[in-house]
N, C-alpha and C. Protein backbone atom coordinates (compact mmCIF):
# COMPACT_ATOMS: atom_id res chain seq x y z
N MET A 1 0.84 -1.18 0.00
CA MET A 1 0.00 0.00 0.00
C MET A 1 0.89 1.25 0.00
N ILE A 2 0.56 2.19 -0.85
CA ILE A 2 1.31 3.44 -0.93
C ILE A 2 0.79 4.39 0.14
N GLU A 3 1.73 4.93 0.90
CA GLU A 3 1.35 5.88 1.93
C GLU A 3 1.02 7.23 1.30
N THR A 4 0.14 7.96 1.93
CA THR A 4 -0.23 9.29 1.45
C THR A 4 0.00 10.31 2.56
N VAL A 5 0.01 11.56 2.15
CA VAL A 5 0.13 12.65 3.11
C VAL A 5 -1.05 13.59 2.92
N PRO A 6 -1.58 14.13 4.01
CA PRO A 6 -2.72 15.05 3.89
C PRO A 6 -2.22 16.45 3.53
N ILE A 7 -2.94 17.12 2.65
CA ILE A 7 -2.64 18.52 2.35
C ILE A 7 -3.94 19.31 2.32
N LEU A 8 -3.79 20.60 2.57
CA LEU A 8 -4.89 21.55 2.44
C LEU A 8 -4.43 22.56 1.40
N VAL A 9 -5.12 22.64 0.29
CA VAL A 9 -4.75 23.54 -0.79
C VAL A 9 -6.01 24.24 -1.30
N THR A 10 -5.86 25.51 -1.61
CA THR A 10 -6.97 26.26 -2.19
C THR A 10 -6.69 26.40 -3.68
N VAL A 11 -7.61 25.90 -4.49
CA VAL A 11 -7.46 25.93 -5.94
C VAL A 11 -8.61 26.71 -6.54
N ASN A 12 -8.28 27.79 -7.23
CA ASN A 12 -9.28 28.66 -7.84
C ASN A 12 -10.37 29.07 -6.84
N GLY A 13 -9.92 29.34 -5.62
CA GLY A 13 -10.83 29.83 -4.58
C GLY A 13 -11.55 28.76 -3.78
N THR A 14 -11.36 27.49 -4.12
CA THR A 14 -12.02 26.40 -3.40
C THR A 14 -10.99 25.63 -2.58
N ARG A 15 -11.28 25.47 -1.29
CA ARG A 15 -10.38 24.73 -0.41
C ARG A 15 -10.59 23.23 -0.60
N HIS A 16 -9.46 22.52 -0.62
CA HIS A 16 -9.49 21.06 -0.77
C HIS A 16 -8.61 20.44 0.30
N VAL A 17 -9.14 19.45 0.99
CA VAL A 17 -8.35 18.62 1.89
C VAL A 17 -8.18 17.30 1.16
N LEU A 18 -6.93 16.95 0.87
CA LEU A 18 -6.66 15.79 0.04
C LEU A 18 -5.58 14.92 0.66
N ASP A 19 -5.63 13.66 0.35
CA ASP A 19 -4.54 12.74 0.68
C ASP A 19 -3.83 12.44 -0.62
N VAL A 20 -2.54 12.80 -0.68
CA VAL A 20 -1.77 12.65 -1.92
C VAL A 20 -0.55 11.78 -1.68
N GLU A 21 -0.12 11.14 -2.75
CA GLU A 21 1.12 10.37 -2.68
C GLU A 21 2.28 11.36 -2.64
N PRO A 22 3.29 11.07 -1.85
CA PRO A 22 4.41 12.00 -1.70
C PRO A 22 5.11 12.35 -3.02
N ARG A 23 5.11 11.46 -3.98
CA ARG A 23 5.81 11.70 -5.25
C ARG A 23 4.89 12.16 -6.38
N MET A 24 3.64 12.41 -6.08
CA MET A 24 2.70 12.89 -7.10
C MET A 24 3.08 14.32 -7.50
N HIS A 25 3.07 14.58 -8.78
CA HIS A 25 3.33 15.95 -9.25
C HIS A 25 2.08 16.81 -9.08
N ALA A 26 2.29 18.10 -8.87
CA ALA A 26 1.18 19.03 -8.72
C ALA A 26 0.27 19.01 -9.94
N ALA A 27 0.84 18.94 -11.13
CA ALA A 27 0.04 18.91 -12.36
C ALA A 27 -0.87 17.68 -12.37
N ASP A 28 -0.36 16.56 -11.91
CA ASP A 28 -1.17 15.34 -11.86
C ASP A 28 -2.28 15.45 -10.83
N LEU A 29 -2.01 16.10 -9.71
CA LEU A 29 -3.06 16.34 -8.72
C LEU A 29 -4.17 17.18 -9.34
N LEU A 30 -3.81 18.27 -10.00
CA LEU A 30 -4.81 19.16 -10.60
C LEU A 30 -5.62 18.44 -11.66
N ARG A 31 -4.95 17.70 -12.52
CA ARG A 31 -5.64 17.02 -13.62
C ARG A 31 -6.42 15.78 -13.13
N GLY A 32 -5.73 14.91 -12.41
CA GLY A 32 -6.32 13.63 -12.05
C GLY A 32 -7.26 13.67 -10.86
N MET A 33 -6.88 14.35 -9.81
CA MET A 33 -7.70 14.37 -8.61
C MET A 33 -8.79 15.43 -8.66
N LEU A 34 -8.47 16.59 -9.26
CA LEU A 34 -9.44 17.69 -9.25
C LEU A 34 -10.12 17.90 -10.60
N GLY A 35 -9.70 17.18 -11.62
CA GLY A 35 -10.35 17.28 -12.93
C GLY A 35 -10.10 18.59 -13.67
N LEU A 36 -9.05 19.30 -13.30
CA LEU A 36 -8.72 20.58 -13.95
C LEU A 36 -7.75 20.31 -15.10
N THR A 37 -8.29 19.86 -16.20
CA THR A 37 -7.48 19.38 -17.32
C THR A 37 -6.90 20.49 -18.18
N GLY A 38 -7.16 21.75 -17.85
CA GLY A 38 -6.53 22.85 -18.57
C GLY A 38 -5.05 22.95 -18.27
N THR A 39 -4.62 22.39 -17.16
CA THR A 39 -3.19 22.33 -16.85
C THR A 39 -2.63 21.17 -17.65
N HIS A 40 -2.01 21.50 -18.77
CA HIS A 40 -1.52 20.45 -19.67
C HIS A 40 -0.15 19.95 -19.22
N VAL A 41 0.11 18.70 -19.54
CA VAL A 41 1.40 18.10 -19.25
C VAL A 41 2.05 17.78 -20.59
N GLY A 42 3.22 18.35 -20.81
CA GLY A 42 3.92 18.14 -22.07
C GLY A 42 5.19 17.35 -21.85
N CYS A 43 6.26 18.05 -21.49
CA CYS A 43 7.58 17.42 -21.41
C CYS A 43 7.85 16.74 -20.07
N GLU A 44 7.16 17.13 -19.02
CA GLU A 44 7.37 16.63 -17.66
C GLU A 44 8.77 16.90 -17.13
N GLN A 45 9.43 17.93 -17.71
CA GLN A 45 10.78 18.30 -17.28
C GLN A 45 10.90 19.80 -17.04
N GLY A 46 9.80 20.53 -17.09
CA GLY A 46 9.83 21.97 -16.84
C GLY A 46 10.31 22.80 -18.01
N VAL A 47 10.41 22.21 -19.18
CA VAL A 47 10.93 22.92 -20.34
C VAL A 47 9.84 23.57 -21.18
N CYS A 48 8.72 22.90 -21.37
CA CYS A 48 7.71 23.38 -22.33
C CYS A 48 6.76 24.42 -21.74
N GLY A 49 6.53 24.41 -20.44
CA GLY A 49 5.66 25.41 -19.81
C GLY A 49 4.17 25.15 -19.94
N MET A 50 3.77 24.04 -20.51
CA MET A 50 2.34 23.75 -20.70
C MET A 50 1.61 23.60 -19.36
N CYS A 51 2.34 23.28 -18.32
CA CYS A 51 1.74 23.03 -17.00
C CYS A 51 1.83 24.26 -16.08
N THR A 52 2.06 25.44 -16.66
CA THR A 52 2.23 26.64 -15.83
C THR A 52 0.95 26.95 -15.06
N ILE A 53 1.12 27.16 -13.77
CA ILE A 53 0.03 27.54 -12.86
C ILE A 53 0.53 28.71 -12.02
N LEU A 54 -0.35 29.31 -11.27
CA LEU A 54 0.07 30.33 -10.32
C LEU A 54 0.04 29.72 -8.93
N LEU A 55 1.14 29.83 -8.24
CA LEU A 55 1.28 29.34 -6.87
C LEU A 55 1.52 30.55 -6.00
N ASP A 56 0.54 30.88 -5.18
CA ASP A 56 0.60 32.10 -4.37
C ASP A 56 0.95 33.31 -5.24
N GLY A 57 0.40 33.34 -6.46
CA GLY A 57 0.56 34.47 -7.36
C GLY A 57 1.76 34.43 -8.28
N THR A 58 2.62 33.45 -8.11
CA THR A 58 3.82 33.34 -8.93
C THR A 58 3.65 32.23 -9.96
N ALA A 59 4.01 32.51 -11.21
CA ALA A 59 3.93 31.50 -12.26
C ALA A 59 5.00 30.44 -12.02
N VAL A 60 4.58 29.18 -11.94
CA VAL A 60 5.49 28.05 -11.73
C VAL A 60 5.06 26.91 -12.63
N LYS A 61 5.95 25.97 -12.81
CA LYS A 61 5.67 24.79 -13.64
C LYS A 61 5.16 23.67 -12.74
N GLY A 62 3.93 23.25 -12.98
CA GLY A 62 3.28 22.23 -12.15
C GLY A 62 3.94 20.87 -12.20
N CYS A 63 4.70 20.60 -13.27
CA CYS A 63 5.36 19.29 -13.36
C CYS A 63 6.63 19.25 -12.52
N LEU A 64 7.10 20.41 -12.06
CA LEU A 64 8.31 20.44 -11.25
C LEU A 64 8.02 20.52 -9.75
N LEU A 65 6.76 20.57 -9.41
CA LEU A 65 6.35 20.61 -8.00
C LEU A 65 5.73 19.28 -7.62
N LEU A 66 5.98 18.90 -6.40
CA LEU A 66 5.29 17.72 -5.87
C LEU A 66 4.02 18.19 -5.18
N ALA A 67 3.00 17.39 -5.26
CA ALA A 67 1.71 17.75 -4.67
C ALA A 67 1.81 18.16 -3.21
N PRO A 68 2.61 17.48 -2.36
CA PRO A 68 2.70 17.91 -0.96
C PRO A 68 3.23 19.35 -0.80
N GLN A 69 3.95 19.86 -1.79
CA GLN A 69 4.45 21.24 -1.72
C GLN A 69 3.32 22.27 -1.83
N LEU A 70 2.15 21.84 -2.25
CA LEU A 70 1.01 22.75 -2.37
C LEU A 70 0.30 22.96 -1.04
N ASP A 71 0.68 22.21 -0.02
CA ASP A 71 0.02 22.31 1.28
C ASP A 71 0.07 23.75 1.80
N GLY A 72 -1.10 24.28 2.11
CA GLY A 72 -1.22 25.63 2.64
C GLY A 72 -1.15 26.74 1.60
N CYS A 73 -1.11 26.37 0.34
CA CYS A 73 -0.93 27.36 -0.72
C CYS A 73 -2.23 27.67 -1.46
N GLU A 74 -2.16 28.75 -2.21
CA GLU A 74 -3.23 29.18 -3.11
C GLU A 74 -2.75 28.89 -4.53
N VAL A 75 -3.52 28.09 -5.25
CA VAL A 75 -3.18 27.72 -6.62
C VAL A 75 -4.26 28.27 -7.55
N GLU A 76 -3.81 28.81 -8.68
CA GLU A 76 -4.75 29.24 -9.71
C GLU A 76 -4.40 28.52 -11.01
N THR A 77 -5.44 28.05 -11.68
CA THR A 77 -5.28 27.40 -12.97
C THR A 77 -6.07 28.18 -14.00
N VAL A 78 -5.91 27.80 -15.25
CA VAL A 78 -6.61 28.50 -16.33
C VAL A 78 -8.13 28.45 -16.14
N GLU A 79 -8.63 27.41 -15.50
CA GLU A 79 -10.08 27.31 -15.26
C GLU A 79 -10.58 28.42 -14.35
N GLY A 80 -9.70 29.00 -13.57
CA GLY A 80 -10.11 30.05 -12.64
C GLY A 80 -10.11 31.46 -13.23
N LEU A 81 -9.69 31.61 -14.48
CA LEU A 81 -9.61 32.94 -15.07
C LEU A 81 -10.97 33.51 -15.47
N ALA A 82 -11.77 32.72 -16.12
CA ALA A 82 -13.08 33.18 -16.58
C ALA A 82 -14.07 33.19 -15.42
N THR A 83 -15.11 33.98 -15.58
CA THR A 83 -16.21 34.00 -14.63
C THR A 83 -17.43 33.45 -15.37
N GLY A 84 -17.74 32.19 -15.10
CA GLY A 84 -18.82 31.55 -15.85
C GLY A 84 -18.44 31.50 -17.32
N GLU A 85 -19.32 32.04 -18.16
CA GLU A 85 -19.07 32.08 -19.61
C GLU A 85 -18.32 33.34 -20.02
N GLU A 86 -18.10 34.25 -19.07
CA GLU A 86 -17.42 35.52 -19.35
C GLU A 86 -15.91 35.35 -19.29
N LEU A 87 -15.25 35.53 -20.44
CA LEU A 87 -13.80 35.41 -20.49
C LEU A 87 -13.15 36.54 -19.71
N ALA A 88 -12.01 36.24 -19.12
CA ALA A 88 -11.20 37.27 -18.47
C ALA A 88 -10.65 38.18 -19.57
N PRO A 89 -10.32 39.43 -19.23
CA PRO A 89 -9.77 40.35 -20.24
C PRO A 89 -8.57 39.78 -21.00
N LEU A 90 -7.69 39.07 -20.32
CA LEU A 90 -6.53 38.49 -21.00
C LEU A 90 -6.97 37.40 -21.98
N GLN A 91 -7.96 36.60 -21.61
CA GLN A 91 -8.47 35.59 -22.52
C GLN A 91 -9.10 36.24 -23.75
N ARG A 92 -9.84 37.33 -23.53
CA ARG A 92 -10.42 38.05 -24.67
C ARG A 92 -9.33 38.60 -25.58
N ALA A 93 -8.26 39.13 -24.98
CA ALA A 93 -7.15 39.67 -25.78
C ALA A 93 -6.52 38.56 -26.63
N PHE A 94 -6.38 37.36 -26.07
CA PHE A 94 -5.85 36.23 -26.85
C PHE A 94 -6.78 35.92 -28.01
N LYS A 95 -8.06 35.93 -27.77
CA LYS A 95 -9.04 35.64 -28.83
C LYS A 95 -8.97 36.70 -29.92
N GLU A 96 -8.95 37.96 -29.52
CA GLU A 96 -8.95 39.07 -30.49
C GLU A 96 -7.65 39.12 -31.29
N ALA A 97 -6.53 38.74 -30.70
CA ALA A 97 -5.24 38.79 -31.39
C ALA A 97 -4.93 37.48 -32.11
N HIS A 98 -5.88 36.55 -32.13
CA HIS A 98 -5.67 35.24 -32.75
C HIS A 98 -4.39 34.61 -32.21
N ALA A 99 -4.28 34.61 -30.88
CA ALA A 99 -3.06 34.18 -30.21
C ALA A 99 -3.03 32.69 -29.92
N LEU A 100 -3.85 31.94 -30.59
CA LEU A 100 -3.82 30.50 -30.38
C LEU A 100 -4.13 29.81 -31.70
N GLN A 101 -3.65 28.61 -31.79
CA GLN A 101 -3.95 27.82 -32.97
C GLN A 101 -4.47 26.47 -32.50
N CYS A 102 -3.59 25.55 -32.15
CA CYS A 102 -4.10 24.26 -31.66
C CYS A 102 -4.61 24.40 -30.23
N GLY A 103 -4.07 25.36 -29.47
CA GLY A 103 -4.55 25.63 -28.12
C GLY A 103 -3.86 24.87 -27.01
N PHE A 104 -2.98 23.93 -27.33
CA PHE A 104 -2.36 23.14 -26.28
C PHE A 104 -1.50 23.99 -25.35
N CYS A 105 -0.80 24.98 -25.90
CA CYS A 105 0.07 25.83 -25.08
C CYS A 105 -0.68 26.98 -24.43
N THR A 106 -1.89 27.27 -24.89
CA THR A 106 -2.61 28.47 -24.46
C THR A 106 -2.77 28.57 -22.94
N PRO A 107 -3.15 27.53 -22.22
CA PRO A 107 -3.27 27.68 -20.76
C PRO A 107 -1.95 28.10 -20.10
N GLY A 108 -0.84 27.54 -20.56
CA GLY A 108 0.45 27.92 -20.00
C GLY A 108 0.76 29.39 -20.25
N PHE A 109 0.51 29.84 -21.48
CA PHE A 109 0.74 31.25 -21.79
C PHE A 109 -0.20 32.15 -21.00
N LEU A 110 -1.45 31.75 -20.88
CA LEU A 110 -2.41 32.57 -20.13
C LEU A 110 -2.00 32.72 -18.67
N MET A 111 -1.52 31.66 -18.07
CA MET A 111 -1.14 31.74 -16.66
C MET A 111 0.15 32.56 -16.49
N ALA A 112 1.12 32.38 -17.38
CA ALA A 112 2.35 33.18 -17.31
C ALA A 112 2.02 34.65 -17.53
N ALA A 113 1.14 34.93 -18.50
CA ALA A 113 0.75 36.31 -18.80
C ALA A 113 -0.08 36.92 -17.68
N THR A 114 -0.89 36.11 -17.01
CA THR A 114 -1.67 36.60 -15.87
C THR A 114 -0.74 37.09 -14.77
N ALA A 115 0.31 36.33 -14.49
CA ALA A 115 1.28 36.75 -13.48
C ALA A 115 1.94 38.06 -13.89
N LEU A 116 2.28 38.18 -15.17
CA LEU A 116 2.87 39.43 -15.67
C LEU A 116 1.91 40.60 -15.51
N GLU A 117 0.67 40.37 -15.92
CA GLU A 117 -0.34 41.44 -15.87
C GLU A 117 -0.54 41.91 -14.42
N ARG A 118 -0.62 40.98 -13.51
CA ARG A 118 -0.84 41.33 -12.10
C ARG A 118 0.36 42.02 -11.46
N SER A 119 1.54 41.84 -12.05
CA SER A 119 2.73 42.48 -11.50
C SER A 119 2.69 44.00 -11.67
N GLY A 120 1.89 44.46 -12.64
CA GLY A 120 1.77 45.90 -12.88
C GLY A 120 2.96 46.49 -13.62
N ARG A 121 3.89 45.66 -14.02
CA ARG A 121 5.07 46.16 -14.74
C ARG A 121 4.71 46.54 -16.17
N ARG A 122 5.31 47.60 -16.65
CA ARG A 122 5.18 48.00 -18.05
C ARG A 122 6.38 47.41 -18.78
N LEU A 123 6.12 46.55 -19.73
CA LEU A 123 7.21 45.85 -20.41
C LEU A 123 7.23 46.20 -21.89
N THR A 124 8.42 46.20 -22.45
CA THR A 124 8.57 46.36 -23.89
C THR A 124 8.22 45.04 -24.56
N ARG A 125 8.04 45.08 -25.85
CA ARG A 125 7.76 43.87 -26.63
C ARG A 125 8.86 42.82 -26.39
N GLU A 126 10.10 43.24 -26.38
CA GLU A 126 11.22 42.32 -26.18
C GLU A 126 11.18 41.72 -24.77
N GLU A 127 10.84 42.53 -23.79
CA GLU A 127 10.74 42.02 -22.42
C GLU A 127 9.58 41.04 -22.28
N ILE A 128 8.47 41.32 -22.97
CA ILE A 128 7.34 40.38 -22.96
C ILE A 128 7.78 39.04 -23.53
N ARG A 129 8.46 39.07 -24.67
CA ARG A 129 8.96 37.84 -25.28
C ARG A 129 9.86 37.07 -24.31
N GLU A 130 10.73 37.78 -23.63
CA GLU A 130 11.64 37.14 -22.68
C GLU A 130 10.86 36.54 -21.51
N GLU A 131 9.91 37.27 -20.98
CA GLU A 131 9.12 36.79 -19.84
C GLU A 131 8.29 35.56 -20.20
N LEU A 132 7.86 35.47 -21.45
CA LEU A 132 7.03 34.35 -21.89
C LEU A 132 7.85 33.19 -22.46
N SER A 133 9.16 33.32 -22.46
CA SER A 133 10.01 32.31 -23.10
C SER A 133 9.98 30.96 -22.41
N GLY A 134 9.41 30.89 -21.23
CA GLY A 134 9.32 29.61 -20.52
C GLY A 134 8.15 28.75 -20.97
N VAL A 135 7.39 29.23 -21.95
CA VAL A 135 6.29 28.45 -22.51
C VAL A 135 6.54 28.33 -24.01
N LEU A 136 6.48 27.12 -24.52
CA LEU A 136 6.76 26.88 -25.93
C LEU A 136 5.48 26.68 -26.73
N CYS A 137 5.53 27.18 -27.96
CA CYS A 137 4.42 26.98 -28.90
C CYS A 137 4.99 26.47 -30.21
N ARG A 138 4.36 25.46 -30.76
CA ARG A 138 4.83 24.90 -32.03
C ARG A 138 3.99 25.35 -33.21
N CYS A 139 2.95 26.15 -32.98
CA CYS A 139 2.02 26.48 -34.06
C CYS A 139 2.02 27.95 -34.49
N THR A 140 2.06 28.86 -33.53
CA THR A 140 1.67 30.24 -33.84
C THR A 140 2.78 31.17 -34.27
N GLY A 141 4.02 30.89 -33.97
CA GLY A 141 5.08 31.83 -34.24
C GLY A 141 5.13 32.95 -33.22
N TYR A 142 4.30 32.90 -32.18
CA TYR A 142 4.33 33.79 -31.02
C TYR A 142 3.81 35.21 -31.26
N GLU A 143 3.70 35.66 -32.50
CA GLU A 143 3.35 37.06 -32.74
C GLU A 143 2.01 37.43 -32.12
N GLY A 144 0.97 36.63 -32.35
CA GLY A 144 -0.34 36.91 -31.77
C GLY A 144 -0.32 36.86 -30.25
N ILE A 145 0.45 35.95 -29.70
CA ILE A 145 0.56 35.82 -28.25
C ILE A 145 1.19 37.08 -27.66
N VAL A 146 2.29 37.51 -28.24
CA VAL A 146 2.97 38.71 -27.75
C VAL A 146 2.06 39.92 -27.92
N ARG A 147 1.37 40.01 -29.05
CA ARG A 147 0.46 41.13 -29.30
C ARG A 147 -0.66 41.17 -28.26
N ALA A 148 -1.22 40.02 -27.92
CA ALA A 148 -2.30 39.95 -26.92
C ALA A 148 -1.80 40.42 -25.55
N VAL A 149 -0.64 39.93 -25.14
CA VAL A 149 -0.10 40.31 -23.83
C VAL A 149 0.29 41.78 -23.85
N GLU A 150 0.85 42.23 -24.94
CA GLU A 150 1.23 43.65 -25.06
C GLU A 150 0.00 44.54 -24.91
N ARG A 151 -1.11 44.17 -25.50
CA ARG A 151 -2.36 44.93 -25.37
C ARG A 151 -2.77 45.07 -23.90
N ARG A 152 -2.67 43.98 -23.17
CA ARG A 152 -3.09 44.00 -21.77
C ARG A 152 -2.11 44.78 -20.89
N LEU A 153 -0.82 44.70 -21.20
CA LEU A 153 0.18 45.36 -20.35
C LEU A 153 0.34 46.84 -20.66
N THR A 154 -0.02 47.22 -21.88
CA THR A 154 0.15 48.63 -22.26
C THR A 154 -1.17 49.35 -22.44
N GLY A 155 -2.27 48.59 -22.38
CA GLY A 155 -3.58 49.20 -22.57
C GLY A 155 -3.85 49.52 -24.04
N GLY A 156 -3.00 48.99 -24.93
CA GLY A 156 -3.13 49.26 -26.36
C GLY A 156 -4.03 48.38 -27.02
């Protein structure tokens, strides 16, 4: 029998008391235990950024965290951005800038960009590209993604 450890984690505003395996990744907890499948798992090595979530407001890679590390923390996933059917402003900006194609990377970009937006920093286009470099996209060429984030960060 595999031993588990109890954790208390708040995900998208909902508190969860869970028993998790010590070696379970945070991304697997979100996807498998909580059904939040917007947190995608790609490389499982922290390189692709598909599993980016916000942990106490900071963008982190869910595949590099173990589930027990979430104990006592506030986690936000892409499912927490919209309010019902109403897209968050950043999600609308992605839609308007055609910042997605297949959509697999979109949750990672949205979460990384959400952290940027909340930081209140004014960034240049080059700085935006650098800040988002931890999430990879194989379809879009990044232009629409950068344009969407630039709109939100500059009000343009």
